[in-house]
């Protein structure tokens, strides 16, 4: 007990003296303490909740360097500047934008023991020179930022992240302690992160998702004309700065032009713009007092955007999932001041997201082609070579390799090259198994869209709906959303008192895993399971046989 008290005092002292924090935010101290106790940690905390302070404070308290894997070069630079501004031990970046001399200088500091924090993009660890330096000067703490990128169940999957477990193994035993950080992760994504990073004796900490300063609402639009008109009205009346999220490049440009025609100072941002154009658009919006008031953006305007005084977030198009929606909503009101988040909802818009979720189908034949190209090889093969051997797109090859790795047929090396686990594999057999995995993934994507539709049409407290999804308990209605103001949330509460499993609550089935209770129809309850899709079961039967239980 005395040691735990000493550790807590040490954490709080460093937070106060080195970072200027009067107190730590929910989850920060718990995560740091778990790391110091030797645990791997998955910390799920919303954007702006101080995730970087977790690894910075923990890094100061553990001997040896801290490696931080982050997908955003701009964010890496911001973190290094923040560390230097606090006069913490040396930090450096190694990424593709640097000159050879800059990279060499950073790695020499690592060699000389002068570096406490080394920031890398995931692809840098496939560079033999960089990996060799990290292996020779083994980190004590290995941080995976934006950890949901490792999971295909997440909303921002990046294949380079899939190699991190192999890279961690290459660092030798014992492995460094792992800290996985994400601002958004459903229960299925959390499980996937833990599994893919092979995190051991891990603690999962989910904190701080409640943002009570953000009012939440949905406005139903019977047709496109009404929706277009309401957008102009709501943006004109909204407190600025404001973000309008859309689903496509075309919508971003068209809506920005429409807003400017109404004398609203608006710009646009999407992934199809040139790099310097995106930077100019972002800088203009981030500028205080003399930039654009409104930015119309796709979800490309996301990670690394930290403007504390965004007052309004409007979704013109429905998001692909609750995860991405809440992350986008969370860009409002980071300064703690009152803010608003509004979704303009037309039921027909869900069709676009359903088509996206069902698309990109990977067939059994395509997986078999890749398996045949790998089978029998004794030397690693590059994905580009597999692309030529199969005549499939790079995306299809990468997806097939991921599926084959999941079923244990191939191994992806730290370099990104691929080897069969056994010299000879049965392409037809592993392709069938891999195709089943792909179908489960498709069902999951469709389920995410169904939950987003359900949120838009829900009459329950919207904040409670979102917090329950992320596994953060909330019993009473929030009183600060459109449904609470309209009184419908209280009616839902009264109806739930008579149900064996509350609507929108999380439950666990012995065979199908966790899911969300969607609705009742006669003697049946429909549950949307994370990986199995929707299932209708006889309520009395699952209760009597204890097949379904609430998630506590």
Protein backbone atom coordinates (compact mmCIF):
# COMPACT_ATOMS: atom_id res chain seq x y z
CA UNK A 1 0.00 0.00 0.00
CA UNK A 2 2.83 2.39 0.90
CA UNK A 3 4.48 1.79 -2.49
CA UNK A 4 1.20 2.60 -4.31
CA UNK A 5 0.81 5.80 -2.29
CA UNK A 6 4.42 6.79 -3.06
CA UNK A 7 3.88 6.12 -6.75
CA UNK A 8 0.70 8.22 -6.81
CA UNK A 9 2.47 11.09 -5.04
CA UNK A 10 5.36 10.85 -7.51
CA UNK A 11 3.00 10.98 -10.49
CA UNK A 12 1.13 13.98 -9.11
CA UNK A 13 4.35 15.80 -8.24
CA UNK A 14 5.73 15.45 -11.78
CA UNK A 15 2.36 16.44 -13.26
CA UNK A 16 2.43 19.60 -11.13
CA UNK A 17 6.11 20.54 -11.31
CA UNK A 18 7.02 19.55 -14.87
CA UNK A 19 3.67 19.99 -16.66
CA UNK A 20 1.95 22.68 -14.58
CA UNK A 21 -1.17 20.52 -14.02
CA UNK A 22 -3.16 21.29 -10.87
CA UNK A 23 -4.72 17.86 -11.22
CA UNK A 24 -4.83 15.00 -13.73
CA UNK A 25 -7.88 14.28 -15.83
CA UNK A 26 -10.03 11.14 -15.50
CA UNK A 27 -8.05 8.09 -16.57
CA UNK A 28 -4.62 9.76 -16.82
CA UNK A 29 -3.31 8.86 -13.37
CA UNK A 30 -4.85 5.37 -13.54
CA UNK A 31 -3.12 4.68 -16.88
CA UNK A 32 0.26 5.99 -15.72
CA UNK A 33 0.10 3.97 -12.52
CA UNK A 34 -0.75 0.76 -14.43
CA UNK A 35 2.25 1.29 -16.73
CA UNK A 36 4.57 1.83 -13.75
CA UNK A 37 3.23 -1.39 -12.22
CA UNK A 38 4.39 -3.25 -15.34
CA UNK A 39 1.10 -3.64 -17.21
CA UNK A 40 0.41 -3.09 -20.88
CA UNK A 41 -2.31 -0.43 -21.09
CA UNK A 42 -5.05 0.38 -23.59
CA UNK A 43 -6.29 3.89 -22.79
CA UNK A 44 -9.49 4.95 -24.53
CA UNK A 45 -9.99 8.65 -23.93
CA UNK A 46 -11.53 11.30 -26.19
CA UNK A 47 -9.52 13.79 -28.18
CA UNK A 48 -8.36 16.68 -26.02
CA UNK A 49 -8.35 14.62 -22.81
CA UNK A 50 -4.56 14.64 -22.43
CA UNK A 51 -3.50 11.23 -23.75
CA UNK A 52 0.00 12.52 -24.61
CA UNK A 53 0.61 13.44 -20.96
CA UNK A 54 0.16 9.76 -20.07
CA UNK A 55 3.20 8.58 -22.01
CA UNK A 56 5.23 11.71 -21.28
CA UNK A 57 4.85 11.37 -17.50
CA UNK A 58 5.25 7.57 -17.60
CA UNK A 59 8.32 7.95 -19.84
CA UNK A 60 10.00 10.22 -17.30
CA UNK A 61 9.44 7.65 -14.56
CA UNK A 62 10.79 4.61 -16.45
CA UNK A 63 14.45 4.14 -17.36
CA UNK A 64 15.09 3.87 -21.09
CA UNK A 65 13.74 5.60 -24.20
CA UNK A 66 10.08 5.91 -25.18
CA UNK A 67 9.12 5.16 -28.80
CA UNK A 68 5.88 6.76 -29.99
CA UNK A 69 4.30 5.42 -33.19
CA UNK A 70 1.95 7.99 -34.72
CA UNK A 71 0.45 8.16 -38.24
CA UNK A 72 0.49 11.95 -38.49
CA UNK A 73 3.73 13.78 -39.21
CA UNK A 74 2.23 17.15 -38.22
CA UNK A 75 1.11 15.72 -34.88
CA UNK A 76 4.58 14.26 -34.26
CA UNK A 77 6.13 17.69 -34.77
CA UNK A 78 3.57 19.30 -32.44
CA UNK A 79 4.37 16.77 -29.72
CA UNK A 80 8.13 17.36 -30.02
CA UNK A 81 7.62 21.12 -29.81
CA UNK A 82 5.37 20.65 -26.75
CA UNK A 83 8.02 18.49 -25.04
CA UNK A 84 10.72 21.05 -25.75
CA UNK A 85 8.52 23.91 -24.54
CA UNK A 86 8.13 22.11 -21.19
CA UNK A 87 11.90 21.58 -21.09
CA UNK A 88 11.46 17.83 -20.76
CA UNK A 89 14.25 15.41 -21.78
CA UNK A 90 15.23 15.32 -25.48
CA UNK A 91 12.67 14.37 -28.14
CA UNK A 92 13.12 13.79 -31.88
CA UNK A 93 11.20 12.75 -34.98
CA UNK A 94 12.24 10.34 -37.71
CA UNK A 95 9.98 10.49 -40.77
CA UNK A 96 9.94 10.61 -44.56
CA UNK A 97 9.98 14.43 -44.78
CA UNK A 98 13.40 14.79 -43.18
CA UNK A 99 16.77 15.21 -44.81
CA UNK A 100 19.27 12.38 -44.39
CA UNK A 101 21.33 14.49 -41.96
CA UNK A 102 18.33 15.15 -39.72
CA UNK A 103 17.47 11.46 -39.55
CA UNK A 104 21.09 10.57 -38.79
CA UNK A 105 21.28 13.18 -36.02
CA UNK A 106 18.12 11.84 -34.34
CA UNK A 107 19.33 8.23 -34.47
CA UNK A 108 22.79 9.21 -33.17
CA UNK A 109 21.12 10.84 -30.16
CA UNK A 110 19.30 7.55 -29.58
CA UNK A 111 22.63 5.70 -29.83
CA UNK A 112 24.26 8.08 -27.34
CA UNK A 113 21.46 7.70 -24.79
CA UNK A 114 20.47 11.36 -25.12
CA UNK A 115 16.96 10.70 -26.42
CA UNK A 116 13.96 10.11 -24.17
CA UNK A 117 11.18 10.35 -26.80
CA UNK A 118 11.46 9.11 -30.39
CA UNK A 119 8.45 9.73 -32.67
CA UNK A 120 8.02 7.49 -35.72
CA UNK A 121 5.44 6.88 -38.40
CA UNK A 122 4.61 3.13 -38.53
CA UNK A 123 6.23 2.67 -41.95
CA UNK A 124 9.54 3.93 -40.53
CA UNK A 125 9.82 0.71 -38.55
CA UNK A 126 9.99 -1.23 -41.82
CA UNK A 127 13.18 0.71 -42.62
CA UNK A 128 16.05 -1.65 -41.73
CA UNK A 129 18.32 1.12 -40.43
CA UNK A 130 15.69 2.68 -38.18
CA UNK A 131 14.54 -0.70 -36.88
CA UNK A 132 18.14 -1.73 -36.14
CA UNK A 133 18.72 1.39 -34.02
CA UNK A 134 15.48 0.80 -32.09
CA UNK A 135 16.41 -2.86 -31.55
CA UNK A 136 19.90 -1.94 -30.31
CA UNK A 137 18.51 0.67 -27.89
CA UNK A 138 15.40 -1.13 -26.77
CA UNK A 139 12.62 1.17 -25.60
CA UNK A 140 11.20 0.74 -22.11
CA UNK A 141 7.82 2.05 -23.30
CA UNK A 142 6.33 1.49 -26.76
CA UNK A 143 3.42 3.84 -27.46
CA UNK A 144 0.92 3.20 -30.25
CA UNK A 145 -1.02 6.42 -30.85
CA UNK A 146 -4.31 6.29 -32.78
CA UNK A 147 -4.34 2.57 -31.93
CA UNK A 148 -7.71 1.99 -33.62
CA UNK A 149 -5.73 2.18 -36.90
CA UNK A 150 -4.57 -1.38 -36.20
CA UNK A 151 -8.11 -2.74 -36.31
CA UNK A 152 -10.18 -3.34 -39.40
CA UNK A 153 -13.16 -3.12 -37.07
CA UNK A 154 -12.15 0.51 -36.52
CA UNK A 155 -12.92 3.45 -38.82
CA UNK A 156 -9.39 4.39 -39.91
CA UNK A 157 -7.61 1.08 -40.57
CA UNK A 158 -3.98 1.34 -41.73
CA UNK A 159 -2.15 -1.81 -42.92
CA UNK A 160 1.24 -0.54 -41.68
CA UNK A 161 -0.08 -0.83 -38.13
CA UNK A 162 -0.61 -4.58 -38.56
CA UNK A 163 3.16 -5.15 -38.45
CA UNK A 164 3.63 -3.60 -35.03
CA UNK A 165 3.21 -6.88 -33.10
CA UNK A 166 5.92 -8.50 -35.24
CA UNK A 167 8.16 -5.47 -34.69
CA UNK A 168 7.59 -5.65 -30.93
CA UNK A 169 8.61 -9.33 -30.99
CA UNK A 170 11.79 -8.39 -32.87
CA UNK A 171 12.85 -6.17 -29.95
CA UNK A 172 13.58 -9.26 -27.86
CA UNK A 173 12.42 -10.41 -24.46
CA UNK A 174 11.11 -9.07 -22.27
CA UNK A 175 8.98 -6.94 -24.53
CA UNK A 176 8.76 -3.23 -23.71
CA UNK A 177 5.60 -2.15 -21.94
CA UNK A 178 2.94 -1.18 -24.47
CA UNK A 179 0.66 1.84 -24.19
CA UNK A 180 -2.07 1.89 -26.86
CA UNK A 181 -3.95 5.18 -27.13
CA UNK A 182 -7.14 5.96 -29.01
CA UNK A 183 -9.88 8.55 -28.83
CA UNK A 184 -12.55 6.19 -30.10
CA UNK A 185 -12.91 2.46 -29.78
CA UNK A 186 -16.03 0.33 -29.50
CA UNK A 187 -15.75 -2.89 -27.45
CA UNK A 188 -15.02 -4.93 -30.59
CA UNK A 189 -12.22 -2.56 -31.62
CA UNK A 190 -10.73 -2.66 -28.11
CA UNK A 191 -10.60 -6.45 -28.18
CA UNK A 192 -8.99 -6.35 -31.61
CA UNK A 193 -6.30 -3.87 -30.48
CA UNK A 194 -5.41 -6.07 -27.49
CA UNK A 195 -5.24 -9.16 -29.71
CA UNK A 196 -3.35 -7.68 -32.65
CA UNK A 197 -0.72 -6.01 -30.46
CA UNK A 198 -0.58 -9.19 -28.35
CA UNK A 199 -0.84 -7.06 -25.22
CA UNK A 200 -0.18 -9.09 -22.08
CA UNK A 201 -1.47 -8.63 -18.57
CA UNK A 202 -3.21 -5.61 -20.04
CA UNK A 203 -5.39 -3.01 -18.36
CA UNK A 204 -8.11 -1.33 -20.42
CA UNK A 205 -9.03 2.16 -19.20
CA UNK A 206 -12.06 3.90 -20.70
CA UNK A 207 -12.61 7.38 -19.32
CA UNK A 208 -13.72 10.89 -20.08
CA UNK A 209 -16.18 10.35 -22.94
CA UNK A 210 -18.85 12.48 -21.36
CA UNK A 211 -18.66 15.98 -22.83
CA UNK A 212 -21.55 17.67 -21.01
CA UNK A 213 -20.77 21.08 -22.52
CA UNK A 214 -21.79 19.82 -25.99
CA UNK A 215 -25.52 19.91 -26.75
CA UNK A 216 -26.51 17.00 -29.01
CA UNK A 217 -29.35 17.02 -31.50
CA UNK A 218 -30.76 15.54 -34.69
CA UNK A 219 -33.04 17.38 -37.07
CA UNK A 220 -35.12 15.21 -39.39
CA UNK A 221 -35.35 16.32 -43.02
CA UNK A 222 -38.22 14.91 -45.09
CA UNK A 223 -36.51 15.65 -48.42
CA UNK A 224 -33.28 16.97 -49.93
CA UNK A 225 -34.66 20.44 -50.58
CA UNK A 226 -35.54 20.86 -46.89
CA UNK A 227 -32.12 19.56 -45.86
CA UNK A 228 -30.30 22.01 -48.16
CA UNK A 229 -32.35 24.92 -46.86
CA UNK A 230 -31.92 23.93 -43.20
CA UNK A 231 -28.16 23.67 -43.59
CA UNK A 232 -27.89 27.29 -44.75
CA UNK A 233 -30.18 28.44 -41.93
CA UNK A 234 -28.39 26.45 -39.22
CA UNK A 235 -24.91 27.50 -40.33
CA UNK A 236 -25.94 31.15 -40.60
CA UNK A 237 -27.41 31.05 -37.07
CA UNK A 238 -24.64 28.93 -35.56
CA UNK A 239 -22.02 30.32 -33.23
CA UNK A 240 -18.65 30.28 -35.00
CA UNK A 241 -16.11 28.80 -35.61
CA UNK A 242 -18.02 25.85 -37.07
CA UNK A 243 -17.28 22.60 -38.88
CA UNK A 244 -19.71 21.06 -41.36
CA UNK A 245 -18.95 17.37 -41.99
CA UNK A 246 -19.91 15.78 -45.32
CA UNK A 247 -19.37 12.38 -46.92
CA UNK A 248 -17.84 13.27 -50.29
CA UNK A 249 -15.33 15.61 -51.93
CA UNK A 250 -18.08 16.98 -54.16
CA UNK A 251 -20.32 17.86 -51.21
CA UNK A 252 -17.44 19.66 -49.48
CA UNK A 253 -16.79 21.93 -52.46
CA UNK A 254 -20.43 22.49 -53.42
CA UNK A 255 -21.63 23.33 -49.90
CA UNK A 256 -18.71 25.67 -49.24
CA UNK A 257 -19.58 27.52 -52.46
CA UNK A 258 -23.25 27.66 -51.48
CA UNK A 259 -22.38 29.09 -48.06
CA UNK A 260 -20.10 31.72 -49.60
CA UNK A 261 -22.97 32.73 -51.90
CA UNK A 262 -24.92 33.48 -48.70
CA UNK A 263 -22.05 35.73 -47.49
CA UNK A 264 -20.83 33.12 -45.00
CA UNK A 265 -17.03 33.00 -44.71
CA UNK A 266 -16.52 29.31 -45.57
CA UNK A 267 -13.75 27.08 -46.94
CA UNK A 268 -13.51 23.37 -47.73
CA UNK A 269 -11.15 20.50 -46.96
CA UNK A 270 -10.96 16.94 -48.31
CA UNK A 271 -8.46 14.21 -49.14
CA UNK A 272 -8.56 14.91 -52.88
CA UNK A 273 -6.91 18.32 -52.48
CA UNK A 274 -3.20 18.87 -52.97
CA UNK A 275 -1.11 18.86 -49.81
CA UNK A 276 -0.42 22.61 -49.87
CA UNK A 277 -4.11 23.36 -50.56
CA UNK A 278 -5.14 21.30 -47.53
CA UNK A 279 -2.54 23.05 -45.38
CA UNK A 280 -3.78 26.49 -46.50
CA UNK A 281 -7.42 25.56 -45.80
CA UNK A 282 -6.58 24.19 -42.37
CA UNK A 283 -4.36 27.14 -41.43
CA UNK A 284 -7.09 29.57 -42.43
CA UNK A 285 -9.63 27.83 -40.21
CA UNK A 286 -7.20 27.46 -37.30
CA UNK A 287 -6.28 31.17 -37.38
CA UNK A 288 -7.93 33.09 -34.57
CA UNK A 289 -10.14 36.00 -35.54
CA UNK A 290 -9.11 36.53 -39.17
CA UNK A 291 -9.46 33.14 -40.93
CA UNK A 292 -12.47 31.27 -42.29
CA UNK A 293 -15.42 30.97 -39.91
CA UNK A 294 -16.72 27.67 -41.30
CA UNK A 295 -14.90 24.73 -42.85
CA UNK A 296 -16.85 22.13 -44.83
CA UNK A 297 -14.90 18.90 -44.62
CA UNK A 298 -14.83 15.16 -45.08
CA UNK A 299 -13.46 12.96 -42.31
CA UNK A 300 -9.98 13.71 -43.74
CA UNK A 301 -10.19 16.81 -41.52
CA UNK A 302 -9.62 14.97 -38.30
CA UNK A 303 -6.58 13.66 -36.45
CA UNK A 304 -4.22 16.41 -35.44
CA UNK A 305 -6.84 19.18 -35.60
CA UNK A 306 -6.82 20.85 -32.20
CA UNK A 307 -8.79 24.10 -32.22
CA UNK A 308 -10.20 24.54 -28.72
CA UNK A 309 -12.89 27.12 -29.49
CA UNK A 310 -14.97 25.34 -32.17
CA UNK A 311 -18.50 26.20 -31.12
CA UNK A 312 -20.56 24.18 -33.61
CA UNK A 313 -20.26 20.87 -35.47
CA UNK A 314 -22.95 20.11 -38.05
CA UNK A 315 -23.16 16.80 -39.91
CA UNK A 316 -24.77 17.33 -43.30
CA UNK A 317 -24.23 13.64 -44.11
CA UNK A 318 -24.65 10.81 -41.64
CA UNK A 319 -21.36 9.27 -40.44
CA UNK A 320 -20.32 5.70 -41.18
CA UNK A 321 -20.27 4.75 -37.50
CA UNK A 322 -20.87 5.97 -33.96
CA UNK A 323 -17.08 5.91 -33.48
CA UNK A 324 -16.32 8.38 -36.26
CA UNK A 325 -19.40 10.51 -35.45
CA UNK A 326 -18.44 11.02 -31.82
CA UNK A 327 -14.83 11.72 -32.68
CA UNK A 328 -15.98 14.43 -35.11
CA UNK A 329 -18.48 15.83 -32.61
CA UNK A 330 -15.67 15.91 -30.04
CA UNK A 331 -13.87 18.63 -32.02
CA UNK A 332 -16.39 21.08 -30.57
CA UNK A 333 -15.96 22.77 -27.22
CA UNK A 334 -12.53 21.53 -26.21
CA UNK A 335 -12.18 24.69 -24.15
CA UNK A 336 -15.07 23.49 -21.99
CA UNK A 337 -17.40 26.25 -23.13
CA UNK A 338 -20.97 25.55 -24.35
CA UNK A 339 -21.07 24.11 -27.89
CA UNK A 340 -23.54 22.40 -30.20
CA UNK A 341 -23.52 19.29 -32.39
CA UNK A 342 -26.33 18.81 -34.90
CA UNK A 343 -27.00 16.00 -37.38
CA UNK A 344 -29.26 16.81 -40.34
CA UNK A 345 -30.87 13.44 -40.98
CA UNK A 346 -32.65 12.24 -44.09
CA UNK A 347 -33.36 8.47 -43.90
CA UNK A 348 -32.49 8.00 -47.58
CA UNK A 349 -28.90 9.11 -46.86
CA UNK A 350 -28.25 5.88 -44.99
CA UNK A 351 -28.26 4.06 -48.34
CA UNK A 352 -24.94 5.63 -49.31
CA UNK A 353 -23.27 4.42 -46.11
CA UNK A 354 -24.78 0.94 -46.53
CA UNK A 355 -23.37 0.74 -50.05
CA UNK A 356 -19.95 1.76 -48.72
CA UNK A 357 -20.12 -0.87 -45.99
CA UNK A 358 -21.13 -3.62 -48.39
CA UNK A 359 -18.59 -2.62 -51.05
CA UNK A 360 -15.00 -3.69 -51.56
CA UNK A 361 -15.99 -7.35 -51.34
CA UNK A 362 -13.03 -9.72 -51.24
CA UNK A 363 -13.99 -12.98 -52.94
CA UNK A 364 -12.84 -16.46 -52.04
CA UNK A 365 -11.26 -16.76 -55.50
CA UNK A 366 -9.18 -13.61 -54.95
CA UNK A 367 -7.91 -14.85 -51.58
CA UNK A 368 -7.06 -18.20 -53.18
CA UNK A 369 -5.01 -16.46 -55.90
CA UNK A 370 -2.92 -14.69 -53.25
CA UNK A 371 -2.55 -17.89 -51.21
CA UNK A 372 -1.31 -19.76 -54.31
CA UNK A 373 1.22 -16.99 -55.03
CA UNK A 374 2.63 -17.33 -51.48
CA UNK A 375 2.50 -21.11 -51.07
CA UNK A 376 5.77 -22.97 -51.44
CA UNK A 377 8.01 -19.91 -51.07
CA UNK A 378 11.04 -20.17 -48.82
CA UNK A 379 12.00 -16.51 -49.26
CA UNK A 380 9.85 -13.53 -48.21
CA UNK A 381 7.74 -11.99 -50.97
CA UNK A 382 6.80 -8.31 -51.24
CA UNK A 383 3.17 -7.24 -51.64
CA UNK A 384 4.06 -5.52 -54.94
CA UNK A 385 5.29 -8.87 -56.29
CA UNK A 386 2.06 -10.53 -55.19
CA UNK A 387 0.14 -7.81 -57.03
CA UNK A 388 1.98 -8.67 -60.26
CA UNK A 389 1.59 -12.42 -59.73
CA UNK A 390 -2.17 -12.19 -59.20
CA UNK A 391 -3.11 -9.16 -61.30
CA UNK A 392 -5.19 -7.89 -58.35
CA UNK A 393 -5.14 -4.34 -57.02
CA UNK A 394 -2.74 -3.49 -54.18
CA UNK A 395 -5.74 -2.98 -51.88
CA UNK A 396 -7.17 -6.42 -52.66
CA UNK A 397 -3.77 -8.07 -52.15
CA UNK A 398 -3.27 -6.31 -48.81
CA UNK A 399 -6.77 -7.31 -47.66
CA UNK A 400 -6.16 -10.92 -48.70
CA UNK A 401 -2.81 -11.00 -46.88
CA UNK A 402 -4.47 -9.62 -43.74
CA UNK A 403 -7.15 -12.30 -43.90
CA UNK A 404 -4.59 -15.05 -44.49
CA UNK A 405 -2.58 -13.81 -41.53
CA UNK A 406 -5.68 -13.84 -39.33
CA UNK A 407 -6.32 -17.53 -40.13
CA UNK A 408 -2.67 -18.40 -39.46
CA UNK A 409 -1.66 -19.20 -43.03
CA UNK A 410 0.98 -16.49 -43.52
CA UNK A 411 3.27 -14.31 -41.46
CA UNK A 412 3.90 -10.62 -42.21
CA UNK A 413 7.48 -9.64 -41.38
CA UNK A 414 8.52 -6.25 -39.94
CA UNK A 415 9.59 -5.26 -43.49
CA UNK A 416 6.04 -5.84 -44.75
CA UNK A 417 7.12 -8.91 -46.70
CA UNK A 418 5.11 -12.12 -46.46
CA UNK A 419 6.03 -15.76 -45.79
CA UNK A 420 3.84 -18.87 -45.56
CA UNK A 421 3.69 -20.22 -42.00
CA UNK A 422 4.16 -23.70 -43.46
CA UNK A 423 5.99 -24.09 -46.74
CA UNK A 424 2.95 -25.67 -48.34
CA UNK A 425 -0.52 -24.34 -47.66
CA UNK A 426 -3.83 -25.49 -49.09
CA UNK A 427 -4.99 -22.39 -51.00
CA UNK A 428 -8.60 -23.53 -51.33
CA UNK A 429 -8.94 -24.39 -47.63
CA UNK A 430 -7.37 -21.21 -46.26
CA UNK A 431 -9.22 -19.09 -48.83
CA UNK A 432 -12.56 -20.42 -47.61
CA UNK A 433 -11.66 -19.65 -44.01
CA UNK A 434 -10.33 -16.21 -44.92
CA UNK A 435 -13.47 -15.43 -46.93
CA UNK A 436 -15.58 -16.22 -43.84
CA UNK A 437 -13.48 -13.69 -41.90
CA UNK A 438 -14.12 -11.13 -44.64
CA UNK A 439 -17.86 -11.76 -44.48
CA UNK A 440 -17.80 -11.22 -40.70
CA UNK A 441 -16.06 -7.92 -41.36
CA UNK A 442 -18.73 -6.92 -43.89
CA UNK A 443 -21.48 -7.74 -41.38
CA UNK A 444 -19.71 -5.65 -38.79
CA UNK A 445 -19.50 -2.65 -41.14
CA UNK A 446 -23.19 -2.97 -41.94
CA UNK A 447 -23.92 -3.16 -38.22
CA UNK A 448 -22.05 0.10 -37.61
CA UNK A 449 -24.27 1.84 -40.16
CA UNK A 450 -27.36 0.33 -38.52
CA UNK A 451 -26.30 1.73 -35.14
CA UNK A 452 -25.70 5.18 -36.63
CA UNK A 453 -29.18 5.08 -38.18
CA UNK A 454 -30.60 3.96 -34.85
CA UNK A 455 -28.90 6.86 -33.06
CA UNK A 456 -30.39 9.31 -35.55
CA UNK A 457 -33.89 7.90 -35.03
CA UNK A 458 -33.61 7.27 -31.29
CA UNK A 459 -35.98 8.94 -28.86
CA UNK A 460 -33.69 8.15 -25.92
CA UNK A 461 -31.18 10.52 -24.31
CA UNK A 462 -28.53 10.96 -27.01
CA UNK A 463 -25.64 11.39 -24.60
CA UNK A 464 -26.58 8.22 -22.74
CA UNK A 465 -26.85 6.35 -26.05
CA UNK A 466 -23.32 7.38 -27.05
CA UNK A 467 -21.74 6.76 -23.65
CA UNK A 468 -23.29 3.29 -23.37
CA UNK A 469 -21.86 2.47 -26.79
CA UNK A 470 -18.36 3.31 -25.57
CA UNK A 471 -18.84 1.39 -22.35
CA UNK A 472 -19.09 4.37 -20.01
CA UNK A 473 -22.10 4.03 -17.66
CA UNK A 474 -24.76 6.73 -17.46
CA UNK A 475 -28.11 6.00 -15.81
CA UNK A 476 -30.03 9.27 -15.86
CA UNK A 477 -30.94 11.34 -18.94
CA UNK A 478 -28.49 14.20 -19.52
CA UNK A 479 -31.02 17.03 -19.80
CA UNK A 480 -28.87 18.62 -22.51
CA UNK A 481 -29.97 17.06 -25.82
CA UNK A 482 -32.98 17.45 -28.07
CA UNK A 483 -34.70 14.29 -26.78
CA UNK A 484 -34.28 15.28 -23.14
CA UNK A 485 -35.64 18.73 -23.90
CA UNK A 486 -38.61 17.19 -25.76
CA UNK A 487 -39.35 14.77 -22.88
CA UNK A 488 -39.04 11.62 -25.00
CA UNK A 489 -36.02 10.30 -23.04
CA UNK A 490 -38.14 10.05 -19.89
CA UNK A 491 -40.79 8.07 -21.79
CA UNK A 492 -38.08 5.65 -22.96
CA UNK A 493 -36.97 5.22 -19.34
CA UNK A 494 -40.50 4.33 -18.25
CA UNK A 495 -40.85 1.81 -21.10
CA UNK A 496 -37.49 0.22 -20.24
CA UNK A 497 -38.63 -0.50 -16.68
CA UNK A 498 -40.88 -3.27 -18.06
CA UNK A 499 -38.26 -4.87 -20.35
CA UNK A 500 -35.86 -7.71 -19.42
CA UNK A 501 -33.04 -5.94 -21.30
CA UNK A 502 -33.24 -2.18 -21.72
CA UNK A 503 -33.34 -0.83 -25.26
CA UNK A 504 -29.89 0.26 -26.49
CA UNK A 505 -28.22 -1.52 -23.56
CA UNK A 506 -25.16 -3.73 -24.10
CA UNK A 507 -25.57 -7.48 -23.63
CA UNK A 508 -23.37 -10.55 -24.06
CA UNK A 509 -24.45 -13.82 -25.70
CA UNK A 510 -22.53 -17.00 -24.81
CA UNK A 511 -21.89 -17.81 -28.49
CA UNK A 512 -22.21 -14.53 -30.40
CA UNK A 513 -20.37 -12.20 -28.03
CA UNK A 514 -21.40 -8.62 -27.22
CA UNK A 515 -24.13 -6.63 -28.90
CA UNK A 516 -26.71 -3.87 -28.55
CA UNK A 517 -30.42 -4.46 -27.85
CA UNK A 518 -32.22 -2.86 -30.80
CA UNK A 519 -35.94 -3.58 -30.43
CA UNK A 520 -38.65 -6.02 -29.30
CA UNK A 521 -41.28 -7.62 -31.51
CA UNK A 522 -43.79 -9.79 -29.71
CA UNK A 523 -41.96 -12.55 -27.87
CA UNK A 524 -38.63 -11.84 -29.61
CA UNK A 525 -35.79 -9.42 -29.01
CA UNK A 526 -33.48 -8.25 -31.80
CA UNK A 527 -29.83 -7.76 -30.86
CA UNK A 528 -27.17 -6.26 -33.14
CA UNK A 529 -24.03 -8.24 -32.34
CA UNK A 530 -20.64 -6.64 -32.96
CA UNK A 531 -19.32 -9.40 -35.23
CA UNK A 532 -22.37 -11.53 -36.06
CA UNK A 533 -24.83 -8.88 -37.22
CA UNK A 534 -28.50 -8.78 -36.22
CA UNK A 535 -30.09 -11.80 -34.54
CA UNK A 536 -33.71 -12.18 -33.39
CA UNK A 537 -34.09 -14.56 -30.48
CA UNK A 538 -36.98 -15.67 -28.27
CA UNK A 539 -36.69 -13.50 -25.15
CA UNK A 540 -38.02 -16.07 -22.70
CA UNK A 541 -35.74 -18.82 -24.09
CA UNK A 542 -32.47 -16.85 -23.80
CA UNK A 543 -33.37 -15.76 -20.26
CA UNK A 544 -34.35 -19.25 -19.05
CA UNK A 545 -31.17 -20.79 -20.50
CA UNK A 546 -29.00 -17.86 -19.38
CA UNK A 547 -27.71 -17.33 -22.91
CA UNK A 548 -27.79 -13.53 -22.73
CA UNK A 549 -26.70 -11.32 -19.85
CA UNK A 550 -26.21 -7.55 -19.43
CA UNK A 551 -22.70 -6.21 -19.84
CA UNK A 552 -21.70 -4.63 -16.56
